[in-house]
C-alpha atoms as a PDB file:
ATOM      1  CA  UNK A   1       0.001  -0.181   0.100  1.00  0.00           C
ATOM      2  CA  UNK A   2       0.978   3.376  -0.532  1.00  0.00           C
ATOM      3  CA  UNK A   3       0.814   5.709   2.361  1.00  0.00           C
ATOM      4  CA  UNK A   4       0.466   9.924   1.996  1.00  0.00           C
ATOM      5  CA  UNK A   5       2.852  11.865   3.183  1.00  0.00           C
ATOM      6  CA  UNK A   6       0.400  13.688   6.268  1.00  0.00           C
ATOM      7  CA  UNK A   7      -0.208  17.142   5.604  1.00  0.00           C
ATOM      8  CA  UNK A   8       0.884  19.552   7.998  1.00  0.00           C
ATOM      9  CA  UNK A   9      -1.878  22.692   8.888  1.00  0.00           C
ATOM     10  CA  UNK A  10      -0.574  25.784   6.867  1.00  0.00           C
ATOM     11  CA  UNK A  11       0.515  28.372   9.226  1.00  0.00           C
ATOM     12  CA  UNK A  12      -0.687  32.089   8.304  1.00  0.00           C
ATOM     13  CA  UNK A  13       2.052  34.390   8.084  1.00  0.00           C
ATOM     14  CA  UNK A  14       2.048  37.389   9.881  1.00  0.00           C
ATOM     15  CA  UNK A  15       0.167  40.110   8.303  1.00  0.00           C
ATOM     16  CA  UNK A  16       2.292  43.647   7.490  1.00  0.00           C
ATOM     17  CA  UNK A  17       0.706  45.727   9.488  1.00  0.00           C
ATOM     18  CA  UNK A  18       1.260  43.324  12.631  1.00  0.00           C
ATOM     19  CA  UNK A  19       4.544  43.188  11.983  1.00  0.00           C
ATOM     20  CA  UNK A  20       4.700  47.225  11.641  1.00  0.00           C
ATOM     21  CA  UNK A  21       2.692  47.509  15.323  1.00  0.00           C
ATOM     22  CA  UNK A  22       5.509  45.303  16.761  1.00  0.00           C
ATOM     23  CA  UNK A  23       8.596  47.192  15.513  1.00  0.00           C
ATOM     24  CA  UNK A  24       7.280  50.248  16.370  1.00  0.00           C
ATOM     25  CA  UNK A  25       6.593  49.028  19.444  1.00  0.00           C
ATOM     26  CA  UNK A  26      10.110  47.798  20.319  1.00  0.00           C
ATOM     27  CA  UNK A  27      11.810  51.320  19.020  1.00  0.00           C
ATOM     28  CA  UNK A  28      10.263  53.180  20.758  1.00  0.00           C
ATOM     29  CA  UNK A  29      10.831  50.954  24.126  1.00  0.00           C
ATOM     30  CA  UNK A  30      14.586  51.342  23.286  1.00  0.00           C
ATOM     31  CA  UNK A  31      14.056  54.717  22.673  1.00  0.00           C
ATOM     32  CA  UNK A  32      12.103  56.494  24.878  1.00  0.00           C
ATOM     33  CA  UNK A  33      14.076  55.329  28.480  1.00  0.00           C
ATOM     34  CA  UNK A  34      17.354  55.879  26.321  1.00  0.00           C
ATOM     35  CA  UNK A  35      16.695  59.387  25.338  1.00  0.00           C
ATOM     36  CA  UNK A  36      15.570  60.411  29.054  1.00  0.00           C
ATOM     37  CA  UNK A  37      18.259  58.409  30.493  1.00  0.00           C
ATOM     38  CA  UNK A  38      20.897  60.245  28.739  1.00  0.00           C
ATOM     39  CA  UNK A  39      19.567  63.597  29.217  1.00  0.00           C
ATOM     40  CA  UNK A  40      18.608  63.310  32.958  1.00  0.00           C
ATOM     41  CA  UNK A  41      22.822  62.240  33.599  1.00  0.00           C
ATOM     42  CA  UNK A  42      24.147  65.066  30.781  1.00  0.00           C
ATOM     43  CA  UNK A  43      22.140  67.173  32.955  1.00  0.00           C
ATOM     44  CA  UNK A  44      23.548  65.870  36.032  1.00  0.00           C
ATOM     45  CA  UNK A  45      27.085  66.121  34.552  1.00  0.00           C
ATOM     46  CA  UNK A  46      26.507  69.840  33.778  1.00  0.00           C
ATOM     47  CA  UNK A  47      25.011  70.800  37.350  1.00  0.00           C
ATOM     48  CA  UNK A  48      28.087  69.316  38.511  1.00  0.00           C
ATOM     49  CA  UNK A  49      31.222  69.362  36.222  1.00  0.00           C
ATOM     50  CA  UNK A  50      31.481  65.384  36.396  1.00  0.00           C
ATOM     51  CA  UNK A  51      32.022  65.093  32.701  1.00  0.00           C
ATOM     52  CA  UNK A  52      30.525  62.005  31.416  1.00  0.00           C
ATOM     53  CA  UNK A  53      29.637  60.146  34.648  1.00  0.00           C
ATOM     54  CA  UNK A  54      26.375  60.332  34.992  1.00  0.00           C
ATOM     55  CA  UNK A  55      25.925  60.065  30.929  1.00  0.00           C
ATOM     56  CA  UNK A  56      27.683  56.891  30.851  1.00  0.00           C
ATOM     57  CA  UNK A  57      25.758  56.011  33.931  1.00  0.00           C
ATOM     58  CA  UNK A  58      22.375  56.589  32.653  1.00  0.00           C
ATOM     59  CA  UNK A  59      22.985  54.899  29.722  1.00  0.00           C
ATOM     60  CA  UNK A  60      23.983  51.632  31.444  1.00  0.00           C
ATOM     61  CA  UNK A  61      21.268  52.453  33.607  1.00  0.00           C
ATOM     62  CA  UNK A  62      18.951  52.483  30.068  1.00  0.00           C
ATOM     63  CA  UNK A  63      20.456  49.313  28.721  1.00  0.00           C
ATOM     64  CA  UNK A  64      19.346  47.627  31.720  1.00  0.00           C
ATOM     65  CA  UNK A  65      15.784  49.137  31.707  1.00  0.00           C
ATOM     66  CA  UNK A  66      15.507  47.962  28.392  1.00  0.00           C
ATOM     67  CA  UNK A  67      16.637  44.777  28.054  1.00  0.00           C
ATOM     68  CA  UNK A  68      14.620  43.832  31.127  1.00  0.00           C
ATOM     69  CA  UNK A  69      11.385  45.686  28.953  1.00  0.00           C
ATOM     70  CA  UNK A  70      12.138  43.962  25.767  1.00  0.00           C
ATOM     71  CA  UNK A  71      12.747  40.472  27.428  1.00  0.00           C
ATOM     72  CA  UNK A  72       9.187  40.722  28.656  1.00  0.00           C
ATOM     73  CA  UNK A  73       7.614  42.530  25.386  1.00  0.00           C
ATOM     74  CA  UNK A  74       9.591  39.605  23.540  1.00  0.00           C
ATOM     75  CA  UNK A  75       7.847  36.858  25.472  1.00  0.00           C
ATOM     76  CA  UNK A  76       4.490  38.218  24.675  1.00  0.00           C
ATOM     77  CA  UNK A  77       5.126  38.754  21.554  1.00  0.00           C
ATOM     78  CA  UNK A  78       6.187  34.851  21.062  1.00  0.00           C
ATOM     79  CA  UNK A  79       3.067  33.988  23.302  1.00  0.00           C
ATOM     80  CA  UNK A  80       0.639  36.053  20.427  1.00  0.00           C
ATOM     81  CA  UNK A  81       2.327  34.794  17.643  1.00  0.00           C
END
Protein backbone atom coordinates (compact mmCIF):
# COMPACT_ATOMS: atom_id res chain seq x y z
CA UNK A 1 0.00 0.00 0.00
CA UNK A 2 1.13 3.42 -0.82
CA UNK A 3 1.14 5.92 2.03
CA UNK A 4 0.37 9.54 1.40
CA UNK A 5 2.52 12.04 3.24
CA UNK A 6 0.60 13.63 6.03
CA UNK A 7 -0.41 17.13 5.27
CA UNK A 8 0.52 19.66 7.86
CA UNK A 9 -1.77 22.61 8.40
CA UNK A 10 -0.40 25.70 6.77
CA UNK A 11 0.55 28.46 9.15
CA UNK A 12 -0.75 31.82 8.21
CA UNK A 13 1.94 34.44 7.89
CA UNK A 14 2.01 37.50 10.05
CA UNK A 15 0.30 40.50 8.50
CA UNK A 16 2.47 43.48 7.58
CA UNK A 17 0.44 45.70 9.91
CA UNK A 18 1.07 43.50 12.92
CA UNK A 19 4.76 43.32 12.04
CA UNK A 20 4.92 47.11 11.76
CA UNK A 21 3.14 47.46 15.11
CA UNK A 22 5.68 45.16 16.76
CA UNK A 23 8.64 47.00 15.23
CA UNK A 24 7.37 50.44 16.25
CA UNK A 25 6.60 49.19 19.74
CA UNK A 26 10.17 47.91 20.12
CA UNK A 27 11.69 51.10 18.66
CA UNK A 28 9.73 53.27 21.08
CA UNK A 29 10.63 50.92 23.95
CA UNK A 30 14.32 51.39 23.22
CA UNK A 31 14.29 55.09 22.31
CA UNK A 32 12.31 56.63 25.16
CA UNK A 33 14.30 55.27 28.15
CA UNK A 34 17.60 55.82 26.33
CA UNK A 35 16.85 59.47 25.58
CA UNK A 36 15.45 60.14 29.07
CA UNK A 37 18.39 58.58 30.92
CA UNK A 38 20.93 60.20 28.57
CA UNK A 39 19.42 63.67 29.00
CA UNK A 40 19.16 63.25 32.75
CA UNK A 41 22.78 62.04 32.93
CA UNK A 42 24.00 64.93 30.79
CA UNK A 43 22.09 67.43 32.93
CA UNK A 44 23.61 65.98 36.11
CA UNK A 45 27.09 66.10 34.53
CA UNK A 46 26.67 69.77 33.68
CA UNK A 47 25.25 70.58 37.09
CA UNK A 48 28.01 68.86 39.08
CA UNK A 49 30.87 69.18 36.57
CA UNK A 50 31.57 65.45 36.46
CA UNK A 51 32.54 65.08 32.81
CA UNK A 52 30.60 62.18 31.33
CA UNK A 53 30.13 60.10 34.49
CA UNK A 54 26.35 60.45 34.86
CA UNK A 55 25.79 60.24 31.10
CA UNK A 56 27.52 56.86 30.95
CA UNK A 57 25.75 55.68 34.10
CA UNK A 58 22.42 56.77 32.59
CA UNK A 59 23.10 54.90 29.36
CA UNK A 60 24.07 51.73 31.26
CA UNK A 61 20.93 52.02 33.37
CA UNK A 62 18.86 52.56 30.21
CA UNK A 63 20.43 49.45 28.69
CA UNK A 64 19.44 47.38 31.71
CA UNK A 65 15.89 48.74 31.79
CA UNK A 66 15.42 48.31 28.03
CA UNK A 67 16.77 44.75 28.14
CA UNK A 68 14.27 43.79 30.84
CA UNK A 69 11.37 45.39 28.96
CA UNK A 70 12.36 43.85 25.61
CA UNK A 71 12.59 40.37 27.14
CA UNK A 72 9.13 40.77 28.66
CA UNK A 73 7.65 42.07 25.40
CA UNK A 74 9.44 39.35 23.43
CA UNK A 75 7.76 36.67 25.48
CA UNK A 76 4.38 38.32 24.96
CA UNK A 77 4.99 38.60 21.20
CA UNK A 78 6.04 34.95 21.00
CA UNK A 79 2.79 33.90 22.70
CA UNK A 80 0.81 36.12 20.36
CA UNK A 81 2.30 34.56 17.24
